[in-house]
C-alpha cells in the first residue's frame, strides 16, 4: 500500500507540474491549438503504444502475474484470484483507453 501511495503522490505532483508548464506557456503567448495540431502524429504513436501494451498484457496475463509475484508486488497465495480478475481488469483498461487515450471526440468522429 505504501508503494501505491508513492505512485499516487508522484502522479499528483506530475499533474501539478504540467499544469504550471501549461499556465506559463499560455502566459508566454504560445498557441496551444497550433501546438496540438503539430503534435498530432506523436499522439497517434502514443495511442498505438497504449493499444499494443494492452494487447501484450492481455496475451501474457499469466506471465505478468508471475512477474509481479516475483517482484514482491503480489502474494503467491493470490495467484488464482488475479487470474480470475483478468476479464474485469482488461475491461477497465479497455474503457480507459477508449475514454481517455482515444477520447470521446475521436470515437464519435469514427462512428
PDB file of N, CA and C in Angstrom:
ATOM      1  N   UNK A   1       0.818  -1.192   0.000  1.00  0.00           N
ATOM      2  CA  UNK A   1       0.000   0.000   0.000  1.00  0.00           C
ATOM      3  C   UNK A   1       0.864   1.258   0.000  1.00  0.00           C
ATOM      4  N   UNK A   2       2.021   1.179   0.641  1.00  0.00           N
ATOM      5  CA  UNK A   2       2.922   2.326   0.652  1.00  0.00           C
ATOM      6  C   UNK A   2       3.391   2.663  -0.753  1.00  0.00           C
ATOM      7  N   UNK A   3       3.639   1.642  -1.568  1.00  0.00           N
ATOM      8  CA  UNK A   3       4.085   1.871  -2.933  1.00  0.00           C
ATOM      9  C   UNK A   3       2.997   2.553  -3.745  1.00  0.00           C
ATOM     10  N   UNK A   4       1.756   2.113  -3.578  1.00  0.00           N
ATOM     11  CA  UNK A   4       0.648   2.733  -4.302  1.00  0.00           C
ATOM     12  C   UNK A   4       0.503   4.199  -3.907  1.00  0.00           C
ATOM     13  N   UNK A   5       0.684   4.497  -2.641  1.00  0.00           N
ATOM     14  CA  UNK A   5       0.595   5.878  -2.178  1.00  0.00           C
ATOM     15  C   UNK A   5       1.698   6.728  -2.800  1.00  0.00           C
ATOM     16  N   UNK A   6       2.902   6.167  -2.909  1.00  0.00           N
ATOM     17  CA  UNK A   6       4.012   6.894  -3.529  1.00  0.00           C
ATOM     18  C   UNK A   6       3.700   7.219  -4.980  1.00  0.00           C
ATOM     19  N   UNK A   7       3.116   6.261  -5.705  1.00  0.00           N
ATOM     20  CA  UNK A   7       2.764   6.494  -7.101  1.00  0.00           C
ATOM     21  C   UNK A   7       1.649   7.527  -7.216  1.00  0.00           C
ATOM     22  N   UNK A   8       0.708   7.510  -6.289  1.00  0.00           N
ATOM     23  CA  UNK A   8      -0.368   8.495  -6.297  1.00  0.00           C
ATOM     24  C   UNK A   8       0.192   9.893  -6.066  1.00  0.00           C
ATOM     25  N   UNK A   9       1.084  10.025  -5.116  1.00  0.00           N
ATOM     26  CA  UNK A   9       1.703  11.324  -4.851  1.00  0.00           C
ATOM     27  C   UNK A   9       2.519  11.776  -6.060  1.00  0.00           C
ATOM     28  N   UNK A  10       3.252  10.867  -6.676  1.00  0.00           N
ATOM     29  CA  UNK A  10       4.030  11.213  -7.870  1.00  0.00           C
ATOM     30  C   UNK A  10       3.123  11.655  -9.009  1.00  0.00           C
ATOM     31  N   UNK A  11       1.992  10.996  -9.192  1.00  0.00           N
ATOM     32  CA  UNK A  11       1.057  11.374 -10.248  1.00  0.00           C
ATOM     33  C   UNK A  11       0.469  12.758  -9.984  1.00  0.00           C
ATOM     34  N   UNK A  12       0.136  13.046  -8.737  1.00  0.00           N
ATOM     35  CA  UNK A  12      -0.408  14.365  -8.397  1.00  0.00           C
ATOM     36  C   UNK A  12       0.643  15.446  -8.624  1.00  0.00           C
ATOM     37  N   UNK A  13       1.876  15.193  -8.234  1.00  0.00           N
ATOM     38  CA  UNK A  13       2.946  16.169  -8.457  1.00  0.00           C
ATOM     39  C   UNK A  13       3.209  16.381  -9.939  1.00  0.00           C
ATOM     40  N   UNK A  14       3.161  15.313 -10.737  1.00  0.00           N
ATOM     41  CA  UNK A  14       3.354  15.444 -12.180  1.00  0.00           C
ATOM     42  C   UNK A  14       2.226  16.269 -12.794  1.00  0.00           C
ATOM     43  N   UNK A  15       1.002  16.032 -12.341  1.00  0.00           N
ATOM     44  CA  UNK A  15      -0.130  16.819 -12.835  1.00  0.00           C
ATOM     45  C   UNK A  15       0.045  18.298 -12.506  1.00  0.00           C
ATOM     46  N   UNK A  16       0.446  18.585 -11.288  1.00  0.00           N
ATOM     47  CA  UNK A  16       0.645  19.985 -10.892  1.00  0.00           C
ATOM     48  C   UNK A  16       1.767  20.627 -11.700  1.00  0.00           C
ATOM     49  N   UNK A  17       2.841  19.893 -11.928  1.00  0.00           N
ATOM     50  CA  UNK A  17       3.959  20.432 -12.707  1.00  0.00           C
ATOM     51  C   UNK A  17       3.525  20.717 -14.149  1.00  0.00           C
ATOM     52  N   UNK A  18       2.764  19.795 -14.736  1.00  0.00           N
ATOM     53  CA  UNK A  18       2.284  20.022 -16.100  1.00  0.00           C
ATOM     54  C   UNK A  18       1.303  21.187 -16.165  1.00  0.00           C
ATOM     55  N   UNK A  19       0.520  21.364 -15.122  1.00  0.00           N
ATOM     56  CA  UNK A  19      -0.399  22.496 -15.069  1.00  0.00           C
ATOM     57  C   UNK A  19       0.365  23.818 -15.026  1.00  0.00           C
ATOM     58  N   UNK A  20       1.430  23.857 -14.263  1.00  0.00           N
ATOM     59  CA  UNK A  20       2.252  25.059 -14.192  1.00  0.00           C
ATOM     60  C   UNK A  20       2.905  25.337 -15.540  1.00  0.00           C
ATOM     61  N   UNK A  21       3.405  24.301 -16.196  1.00  0.00           N
ATOM     62  CA  UNK A  21       4.025  24.475 -17.511  1.00  0.00           C
ATOM     63  C   UNK A  21       2.999  25.000 -18.516  1.00  0.00           C
ATOM     64  N   UNK A  22       1.790  24.451 -18.504  1.00  0.00           N
ATOM     65  CA  UNK A  22       0.748  24.923 -19.412  1.00  0.00           C
ATOM     66  C   UNK A  22       0.383  26.374 -19.130  1.00  0.00           C
ATOM     67  N   UNK A  23       0.295  26.739 -17.854  1.00  0.00           N
ATOM     68  CA  UNK A  23      -0.026  28.107 -17.498  1.00  0.00           C
ATOM     69  C   UNK A  23       1.071  29.058 -17.987  1.00  0.00           C
ATOM     70  N   UNK A  24       2.330  28.667 -17.810  1.00  0.00           N
ATOM     71  CA  UNK A  24       3.437  29.510 -18.274  1.00  0.00           C
ATOM     72  C   UNK A  24       3.443  29.630 -19.796  1.00  0.00           C
ATOM     73  N   UNK A  25       3.087  28.550 -20.484  1.00  0.00           N
ATOM     74  CA  UNK A  25       3.026  28.606 -21.945  1.00  0.00           C
ATOM     75  C   UNK A  25       1.915  29.543 -22.408  1.00  0.00           C
ATOM     76  N   UNK A  26       0.774  29.507 -21.730  1.00  0.00           N
ATOM     77  CA  UNK A  26      -0.317  30.408 -22.093  1.00  0.00           C
ATOM     78  C   UNK A  26       0.050  31.863 -21.836  1.00  0.00           C
ATOM     79  N   UNK A  27       0.727  32.116 -20.729  1.00  0.00           N
ATOM     80  CA  UNK A  27       1.144  33.490 -20.417  1.00  0.00           C
ATOM     81  C   UNK A  27       2.208  33.988 -21.392  1.00  0.00           C
ATOM     82  N   UNK A  28       3.015  33.054 -21.933  1.00  0.00           N
ATOM     83  CA  UNK A  28       4.054  33.436 -22.884  1.00  0.00           C
ATOM     84  C   UNK A  28       3.484  33.638 -24.287  1.00  0.00           C
ATOM     85  N   UNK A  29       2.204  33.295 -24.471  1.00  0.00           N
ATOM     86  CA  UNK A  29       1.582  33.515 -25.769  1.00  0.00           C
ATOM     87  C   UNK A  29       1.732  32.356 -26.737  1.00  0.00           C
ATOM     88  N   UNK A  30       2.049  31.187 -26.238  1.00  0.00           N
ATOM     89  CA  UNK A  30       2.181  30.021 -27.105  1.00  0.00           C
ATOM     90  C   UNK A  30       0.782  29.575 -27.531  1.00  0.00           C
ATOM     91  N   UNK A  31       0.602  29.358 -28.833  1.00  0.00           N
ATOM     92  CA  UNK A  31      -0.685  28.913 -29.358  1.00  0.00           C
ATOM     93  C   UNK A  31      -0.791  27.402 -29.147  1.00  0.00           C
ATOM     94  N   UNK A  32      -1.549  27.005 -28.129  1.00  0.00           N
ATOM     95  CA  UNK A  32      -1.654  25.595 -27.785  1.00  0.00           C
ATOM     96  C   UNK A  32      -2.423  24.795 -28.833  1.00  0.00           C
ATOM     97  N   UNK A  33      -3.332  25.438 -29.558  1.00  0.00           N
ATOM     98  CA  UNK A  33      -4.071  24.734 -30.609  1.00  0.00           C
ATOM     99  C   UNK A  33      -3.126  24.355 -31.745  1.00  0.00           C
ATOM    100  N   UNK A  34      -2.273  25.297 -32.155  1.00  0.00           N
ATOM    101  CA  UNK A  34      -1.305  25.002 -33.207  1.00  0.00           C
ATOM    102  C   UNK A  34      -0.311  23.943 -32.732  1.00  0.00           C
ATOM    103  N   UNK A  35       0.067  24.006 -31.471  1.00  0.00           N
ATOM    104  CA  UNK A  35       0.976  23.007 -30.917  1.00  0.00           C
ATOM    105  C   UNK A  35       0.330  21.625 -30.931  1.00  0.00           C
ATOM    106  N   UNK A  36      -0.958  21.578 -30.601  1.00  0.00           N
ATOM    107  CA  UNK A  36      -1.688  20.314 -30.633  1.00  0.00           C
ATOM    108  C   UNK A  36      -1.732  19.744 -32.045  1.00  0.00           C
ATOM    109  N   UNK A  37      -1.956  20.586 -33.039  1.00  0.00           N
ATOM    110  CA  UNK A  37      -2.010  20.119 -34.420  1.00  0.00           C
ATOM    111  C   UNK A  37      -0.647  19.600 -34.882  1.00  0.00           C
ATOM    112  N   UNK A  38       0.424  20.242 -34.454  1.00  0.00           N
ATOM    113  CA  UNK A  38       1.763  19.794 -34.855  1.00  0.00           C
ATOM    114  C   UNK A  38       2.140  18.478 -34.194  1.00  0.00           C
ATOM    115  N   UNK A  39       1.623  18.219 -33.002  1.00  0.00           N
ATOM    116  CA  UNK A  39       1.973  17.005 -32.263  1.00  0.00           C
ATOM    117  C   UNK A  39       0.999  15.854 -32.498  1.00  0.00           C
ATOM    118  N   UNK A  40       0.039  16.015 -33.397  1.00  0.00           N
ATOM    119  CA  UNK A  40      -0.984  15.001 -33.616  1.00  0.00           C
ATOM    120  C   UNK A  40      -0.380  13.648 -34.022  1.00  0.00           C
ATOM    121  N   UNK A  41       0.648  13.660 -34.843  1.00  0.00           N
ATOM    122  CA  UNK A  41       1.303  12.403 -35.242  1.00  0.00           C
ATOM    123  C   UNK A  41       1.929  11.695 -34.052  1.00  0.00           C
ATOM    124  N   UNK A  42       2.523  12.457 -33.146  1.00  0.00           N
ATOM    125  CA  UNK A  42       3.110  11.877 -31.944  1.00  0.00           C
ATOM    126  C   UNK A  42       2.027  11.292 -31.039  1.00  0.00           C
ATOM    127  N   UNK A  43       0.875  11.972 -30.959  1.00  0.00           N
ATOM    128  CA  UNK A  43      -0.236  11.448 -30.165  1.00  0.00           C
ATOM    129  C   UNK A  43      -0.736  10.127 -30.730  1.00  0.00           C
ATOM    130  N   UNK A  44      -0.752  10.009 -32.061  1.00  0.00           N
ATOM    131  CA  UNK A  44      -1.177   8.752 -32.687  1.00  0.00           C
ATOM    132  C   UNK A  44      -0.223   7.614 -32.317  1.00  0.00           C
ATOM    133  N   UNK A  45       1.057   7.910 -32.236  1.00  0.00           N
ATOM    134  CA  UNK A  45       2.036   6.892 -31.838  1.00  0.00           C
ATOM    135  C   UNK A  45       1.781   6.462 -30.393  1.00  0.00           C
ATOM    136  N   UNK A  46       1.483   7.412 -29.508  1.00  0.00           N
ATOM    137  CA  UNK A  46       1.199   7.066 -28.119  1.00  0.00           C
ATOM    138  C   UNK A  46      -0.088   6.259 -27.993  1.00  0.00           C
ATOM    139  N   UNK A  47      -1.092   6.596 -28.790  1.00  0.00           N
ATOM    140  CA  UNK A  47      -2.326   5.803 -28.778  1.00  0.00           C
ATOM    141  C   UNK A  47      -2.032   4.368 -29.195  1.00  0.00           C
ATOM    142  N   UNK A  48      -1.240   4.219 -30.237  1.00  0.00           N
ATOM    143  CA  UNK A  48      -0.870   2.885 -30.699  1.00  0.00           C
ATOM    144  C   UNK A  48      -0.065   2.141 -29.639  1.00  0.00           C
ATOM    145  N   UNK A  49       0.818   2.843 -28.941  1.00  0.00           N
ATOM    146  CA  UNK A  49       1.606   2.210 -27.879  1.00  0.00           C
ATOM    147  C   UNK A  49       0.704   1.716 -26.750  1.00  0.00           C
ATOM    148  N   UNK A  50      -0.326   2.484 -26.403  1.00  0.00           N
ATOM    149  CA  UNK A  50      -1.281   2.036 -25.380  1.00  0.00           C
ATOM    150  C   UNK A  50      -1.990   0.762 -25.831  1.00  0.00           C
ATOM    151  N   UNK A  51      -2.409   0.739 -27.070  1.00  0.00           N
ATOM    152  CA  UNK A  51      -3.117  -0.440 -27.576  1.00  0.00           C
ATOM    153  C   UNK A  51      -2.211  -1.669 -27.608  1.00  0.00           C
ATOM    154  N   UNK A  52      -0.967  -1.491 -28.015  1.00  0.00           N
ATOM    155  CA  UNK A  52      -0.023  -2.609 -28.049  1.00  0.00           C
ATOM    156  C   UNK A  52       0.269  -3.106 -26.636  1.00  0.00           C
ATOM    157  N   UNK A  53       0.424  -2.195 -25.689  1.00  0.00           N
ATOM    158  CA  UNK A  53       0.672  -2.598 -24.294  1.00  0.00           C
ATOM    159  C   UNK A  53      -0.529  -3.361 -23.739  1.00  0.00           C
ATOM    160  N   UNK A  54      -1.752  -2.890 -24.055  1.00  0.00           N
ATOM    161  CA  UNK A  54      -2.951  -3.588 -23.588  1.00  0.00           C
ATOM    162  C   UNK A  54      -3.020  -4.979 -24.188  1.00  0.00           C
ATOM    163  N   UNK A  55      -2.756  -5.084 -25.480  1.00  0.00           N
ATOM    164  CA  UNK A  55      -2.801  -6.386 -26.137  1.00  0.00           C
ATOM    165  C   UNK A  55      -1.737  -7.332 -25.576  1.00  0.00           C
ATOM    166  N   UNK A  56      -0.533  -6.816 -25.330  1.00  0.00           N
ATOM    167  CA  UNK A  56       0.525  -7.647 -24.755  1.00  0.00           C
ATOM    168  C   UNK A  56       0.150  -8.131 -23.361  1.00  0.00           C
ATOM    169  N   UNK A  57      -0.440  -7.258 -22.560  1.00  0.00           N
ATOM    170  CA  UNK A  57      -0.870  -7.657 -21.220  1.00  0.00           C
ATOM    171  C   UNK A  57      -1.993  -8.683 -21.297  1.00  0.00           C
ATOM    172  N   UNK A  58      -2.892  -8.502 -22.248  1.00  0.00           N
ATOM    173  CA  UNK A  58      -3.995  -9.447 -22.428  1.00  0.00           C
ATOM    174  C   UNK A  58      -3.480 -10.838 -22.792  1.00  0.00           C
ATOM    175  N   UNK A  59      -2.523 -10.887 -23.706  1.00  0.00           N
ATOM    176  CA  UNK A  59      -1.989 -12.172 -24.170  1.00  0.00           C
ATOM    177  C   UNK A  59      -1.093 -12.807 -23.113  1.00  0.00           C
ATOM    178  N   UNK A  60      -0.295 -12.001 -22.430  1.00  0.00           N
ATOM    179  CA  UNK A  60       0.703 -12.523 -21.490  1.00  0.00           C
ATOM    180  C   UNK A  60       0.276 -12.336 -20.033  1.00  0.00           C
ATOM    181  N   UNK A  61      -1.014 -12.374 -19.754  1.00  0.00           N
ATOM    182  CA  UNK A  61      -1.525 -12.151 -18.401  1.00  0.00           C
ATOM    183  C   UNK A  61      -0.877 -13.059 -17.354  1.00  0.00           C
ATOM    184  N   UNK A  62      -0.816 -14.382 -17.554  1.00  0.00           N
ATOM    185  CA  UNK A  62      -0.179 -15.226 -16.523  1.00  0.00           C
ATOM    186  C   UNK A  62       1.287 -14.859 -16.272  1.00  0.00           C
ATOM    187  N   UNK A  63       2.010 -14.533 -17.334  1.00  0.00           N
ATOM    188  CA  UNK A  63       3.407 -14.142 -17.161  1.00  0.00           C
ATOM    189  C   UNK A  63       3.512 -12.823 -16.398  1.00  0.00           C
ATOM    190  N   UNK A  64       2.581 -11.904 -16.651  1.00  0.00           N
ATOM    191  CA  UNK A  64       2.592 -10.626 -15.938  1.00  0.00           C
ATOM    192  C   UNK A  64       2.312 -10.828 -14.452  1.00  0.00           C
ATOM    193  N   UNK A  65       1.383 -11.721 -14.137  1.00  0.00           N
ATOM    194  CA  UNK A  65       1.084 -12.015 -12.731  1.00  0.00           C
ATOM    195  C   UNK A  65       2.295 -12.659 -12.057  1.00  0.00           C
ATOM    196  N   UNK A  66       2.920 -13.615 -12.729  1.00  0.00           N
ATOM    197  CA  UNK A  66       4.111 -14.260 -12.167  1.00  0.00           C
ATOM    198  C   UNK A  66       5.242 -13.253 -11.970  1.00  0.00           C
ATOM    199  N   UNK A  67       5.395 -12.313 -12.901  1.00  0.00           N
ATOM    200  CA  UNK A  67       6.429 -11.291 -12.777  1.00  0.00           C
ATOM    201  C   UNK A  67       6.160 -10.410 -11.554  1.00  0.00           C
ATOM    202  N   UNK A  68       4.894 -10.022 -11.360  1.00  0.00           N
ATOM    203  CA  UNK A  68       4.538  -9.195 -10.194  1.00  0.00           C
ATOM    204  C   UNK A  68       4.762  -9.956  -8.887  1.00  0.00           C
ATOM    205  N   UNK A  69       4.488 -11.244  -8.910  1.00  0.00           N
ATOM    206  CA  UNK A  69       4.746 -12.065  -7.717  1.00  0.00           C
ATOM    207  C   UNK A  69       6.244 -12.135  -7.453  1.00  0.00           C
ATOM    208  N   UNK A  70       7.025 -12.299  -8.508  1.00  0.00           N
ATOM    209  CA  UNK A  70       8.478 -12.336  -8.368  1.00  0.00           C
ATOM    210  C   UNK A  70       9.056 -11.036  -7.836  1.00  0.00           C
ATOM    211  N   UNK A  71       8.439  -9.901  -8.198  1.00  0.00           N
ATOM    212  CA  UNK A  71       8.898  -8.604  -7.715  1.00  0.00           C
ATOM    213  C   UNK A  71       8.427  -8.318  -6.293  1.00  0.00           C
ATOM    214  N   UNK A  72       7.509  -9.158  -5.774  1.00  0.00           N
ATOM    215  CA  UNK A  72       7.003  -8.949  -4.431  1.00  0.00           C
ATOM    216  C   UNK A  72       5.815  -8.007  -4.356  1.00  0.00           C
ATOM    217  N   UNK A  73       5.233  -7.655  -5.499  1.00  0.00           N
ATOM    218  CA  UNK A  73       4.098  -6.748  -5.515  1.00  0.00           C
ATOM    219  C   UNK A  73       2.793  -7.475  -5.209  1.00  0.00           C
ATOM    220  N   UNK A  74       2.754  -8.774  -5.504  1.00  0.00           N
ATOM    221  CA  UNK A  74       1.573  -9.602  -5.240  1.00  0.00           C
ATOM    222  C   UNK A  74       2.005 -10.809  -4.423  1.00  0.00           C
ATOM    223  N   UNK A  75       1.062 -11.356  -3.671  1.00  0.00           N
ATOM    224  CA  UNK A  75       1.365 -12.568  -2.911  1.00  0.00           C
ATOM    225  C   UNK A  75       1.076 -13.787  -3.772  1.00  0.00           C
ATOM    226  N   UNK A  76       1.906 -14.808  -3.649  1.00  0.00           N
ATOM    227  CA  UNK A  76       1.720 -16.012  -4.454  1.00  0.00           C
ATOM    228  C   UNK A  76       0.432 -16.744  -4.090  1.00  0.00           C
ATOM    229  N   UNK A  77      -0.070 -16.540  -2.877  1.00  0.00           N
ATOM    230  CA  UNK A  77      -1.319 -17.178  -2.476  1.00  0.00           C
ATOM    231  C   UNK A  77      -2.510 -16.624  -3.266  1.00  0.00           C
ATOM    232  N   UNK A  78      -2.382 -15.422  -3.802  1.00  0.00           N
ATOM    233  CA  UNK A  78      -3.479 -14.768  -4.519  1.00  0.00           C
ATOM    234  C   UNK A  78      -3.416 -14.981  -6.029  1.00  0.00           C
ATOM    235  N   UNK A  79      -2.560 -15.852  -6.494  1.00  0.00           N
ATOM    236  CA  UNK A  79      -2.381 -16.071  -7.932  1.00  0.00           C
ATOM    237  C   UNK A  79      -3.701 -16.418  -8.616  1.00  0.00           C
ATOM    238  N   UNK A  80      -4.467 -17.333  -8.059  1.00  0.00           N
ATOM    239  CA  UNK A  80      -5.731 -17.752  -8.675  1.00  0.00           C
ATOM    240  C   UNK A  80      -6.739 -16.601  -8.707  1.00  0.00           C
ATOM    241  N   UNK A  81      -6.709 -15.775  -7.686  1.00  0.00           N
ATOM    242  CA  UNK A  81      -7.621 -14.629  -7.645  1.00  0.00           C
ATOM    243  C   UNK A  81      -7.301 -13.659  -8.780  1.00  0.00           C
ATOM    244  N   UNK A  82      -6.021 -13.389  -8.984  1.00  0.00           N
ATOM    245  CA  UNK A  82      -5.612 -12.474 -10.047  1.00  0.00           C
ATOM    246  C   UNK A  82      -5.907 -13.054 -11.422  1.00  0.00           C
ATOM    247  N   UNK A  83      -5.756 -14.364 -11.577  1.00  0.00           N
ATOM    248  CA  UNK A  83      -6.120 -14.989 -12.852  1.00  0.00           C
ATOM    249  C   UNK A  83      -7.614 -14.796 -13.113  1.00  0.00           C
ATOM    250  N   UNK A  84      -8.424 -14.883 -12.069  1.00  0.00           N
ATOM    251  CA  UNK A  84      -9.863 -14.702 -12.212  1.00  0.00           C
ATOM    252  C   UNK A  84     -10.270 -13.261 -12.489  1.00  0.00           C
ATOM    253  N   UNK A  85      -9.431 -12.307 -12.123  1.00  0.00           N
ATOM    254  CA  UNK A  85      -9.745 -10.891 -12.324  1.00  0.00           C
ATOM    255  C   UNK A  85      -9.354 -10.372 -13.703  1.00  0.00           C
ATOM    256  N   UNK A  86      -8.817 -11.240 -14.547  1.00  0.00           N
ATOM    257  CA  UNK A  86      -8.323 -10.806 -15.853  1.00  0.00           C
ATOM    258  C   UNK A  86      -9.400 -10.088 -16.661  1.00  0.00           C
ATOM    259  N   UNK A  87     -10.593 -10.658 -16.747  1.00  0.00           N
ATOM    260  CA  UNK A  87     -11.654 -10.057 -17.570  1.00  0.00           C
ATOM    261  C   UNK A  87     -12.041  -8.673 -17.056  1.00  0.00           C
ATOM    262  N   UNK A  88     -12.163  -8.521 -15.748  1.00  0.00           N
ATOM    263  CA  UNK A  88     -12.547  -7.226 -15.190  1.00  0.00           C
ATOM    264  C   UNK A  88     -11.459  -6.180 -15.395  1.00  0.00           C
ATOM    265  N   UNK A  89     -10.213  -6.571 -15.177  1.00  0.00           N
ATOM    266  CA  UNK A  89      -9.109  -5.622 -15.327  1.00  0.00           C
ATOM    267  C   UNK A  89      -8.930  -5.228 -16.785  1.00  0.00           C
ATOM    268  N   UNK A  90      -9.034  -6.188 -17.698  1.00  0.00           N
ATOM    269  CA  UNK A  90      -8.892  -5.880 -19.120  1.00  0.00           C
ATOM    270  C   UNK A  90     -10.041  -4.991 -19.605  1.00  0.00           C
ATOM    271  N   UNK A  91     -11.232  -5.212 -19.079  1.00  0.00           N
ATOM    272  CA  UNK A  91     -12.369  -4.358 -19.446  1.00  0.00           C
ATOM    273  C   UNK A  91     -12.153  -2.937 -18.949  1.00  0.00           C
ATOM    274  N   UNK A  92     -11.672  -2.795 -17.723  1.00  0.00           N
ATOM    275  CA  UNK A  92     -11.405  -1.457 -17.178  1.00  0.00           C
ATOM    276  C   UNK A  92     -10.305  -0.758 -17.978  1.00  0.00           C
ATOM    277  N   UNK A  93      -9.260  -1.485 -18.344  1.00  0.00           N
ATOM    278  CA  UNK A  93      -8.187  -0.884 -19.142  1.00  0.00           C
ATOM    279  C   UNK A  93      -8.669  -0.520 -20.540  1.00  0.00           C
ATOM    280  N   UNK A  94      -9.520  -1.353 -21.135  1.00  0.00           N
ATOM    281  CA  UNK A  94     -10.073  -1.034 -22.452  1.00  0.00           C
ATOM    282  C   UNK A  94     -10.937   0.224 -22.374  1.00  0.00           C
ATOM    283  N   UNK A  95     -11.728   0.347 -21.309  1.00  0.00           N
ATOM    284  CA  UNK A  95     -12.542   1.553 -21.126  1.00  0.00           C
ATOM    285  C   UNK A  95     -11.649   2.777 -20.952  1.00  0.00           C
ATOM    286  N   UNK A  96     -10.567   2.633 -20.198  1.00  0.00           N
ATOM    287  CA  UNK A  96      -9.616   3.741 -20.030  1.00  0.00           C
ATOM    288  C   UNK A  96      -9.041   4.160 -21.378  1.00  0.00           C
ATOM    289  N   UNK A  97      -8.634   3.188 -22.187  1.00  0.00           N
ATOM    290  CA  UNK A  97      -8.043   3.503 -23.486  1.00  0.00           C
ATOM    291  C   UNK A  97      -9.069   4.221 -24.365  1.00  0.00           C
ATOM    292  N   UNK A  98     -10.298   3.726 -24.379  1.00  0.00           N
ATOM    293  CA  UNK A  98     -11.316   4.357 -25.225  1.00  0.00           C
ATOM    294  C   UNK A  98     -11.702   5.745 -24.736  1.00  0.00           C
ATOM    295  N   UNK A  99     -11.856   5.918 -23.432  1.00  0.00           N
ATOM    296  CA  UNK A  99     -12.345   7.186 -22.900  1.00  0.00           C
ATOM    297  C   UNK A  99     -11.237   8.229 -22.777  1.00  0.00           C
ATOM    298  N   UNK A 100     -10.078   7.827 -22.283  1.00  0.00           N
ATOM    299  CA  UNK A 100      -9.018   8.798 -22.006  1.00  0.00           C
ATOM    300  C   UNK A 100      -8.030   8.915 -23.165  1.00  0.00           C
ATOM    301  N   UNK A 101      -7.508   7.786 -23.617  1.00  0.00           N
ATOM    302  CA  UNK A 101      -6.446   7.825 -24.623  1.00  0.00           C
ATOM    303  C   UNK A 101      -7.010   8.196 -25.991  1.00  0.00           C
ATOM    304  N   UNK A 102      -8.020   7.480 -26.441  1.00  0.00           N
ATOM    305  CA  UNK A 102      -8.611   7.782 -27.740  1.00  0.00           C
ATOM    306  C   UNK A 102      -9.485   9.024 -27.646  1.00  0.00           C
ATOM    307  N   UNK A 103     -10.356   9.072 -26.667  1.00  0.00           N
ATOM    308  CA  UNK A 103     -11.165  10.258 -26.424  1.00  0.00           C
ATOM    309  C   UNK A 103     -12.519  10.210 -27.091  1.00  0.00           C
ATOM    310  N   UNK A 104     -13.510  10.833 -26.458  1.00  0.00           N
ATOM    311  CA  UNK A 104     -14.863  10.814 -26.996  1.00  0.00           C
ATOM    312  C   UNK A 104     -14.981  11.476 -28.378  1.00  0.00           C
ATOM    313  N   UNK A 105     -14.266  12.574 -28.595  1.00  0.00           N
ATOM    314  CA  UNK A 105     -14.379  13.282 -29.879  1.00  0.00           C
ATOM    315  C   UNK A 105     -13.913  12.396 -31.032  1.00  0.00           C
ATOM    316  N   UNK A 106     -12.795  11.711 -30.844  1.00  0.00           N
ATOM    317  CA  UNK A 106     -12.289  10.827 -31.884  1.00  0.00           C
ATOM    318  C   UNK A 106     -13.211   9.624 -32.066  1.00  0.00           C
ATOM    319  N   UNK A 107     -13.759   9.109 -30.976  1.00  0.00           N
ATOM    320  CA  UNK A 107     -14.689   7.980 -31.079  1.00  0.00           C
ATOM    321  C   UNK A 107     -15.932   8.369 -31.870  1.00  0.00           C
ATOM    322  N   UNK A 108     -16.507   9.539 -31.572  1.00  0.00           N
ATOM    323  CA  UNK A 108     -17.709   9.963 -32.278  1.00  0.00           C
ATOM    324  C   UNK A 108     -17.427  10.297 -33.734  1.00  0.00           C
ATOM    325  N   UNK A 109     -16.219  10.760 -34.023  1.00  0.00           N
ATOM    326  CA  UNK A 109     -15.883  11.045 -35.427  1.00  0.00           C
ATOM    327  C   UNK A 109     -15.728   9.740 -36.216  1.00  0.00           C
ATOM    328  N   UNK A 110     -15.303   8.674 -35.545  1.00  0.00           N
ATOM    329  CA  UNK A 110     -15.177   7.375 -36.218  1.00  0.00           C
ATOM    330  C   UNK A 110     -16.559   6.766 -36.456  1.00  0.00           C
ATOM    331  N   UNK A 111     -17.432   6.923 -35.467  1.00  0.00           N
ATOM    332  CA  UNK A 111     -18.790   6.371 -35.591  1.00  0.00           C
ATOM    333  C   UNK A 111     -19.586   7.259 -36.501  1.00  0.00           C
TER     334      UNK A 111
END
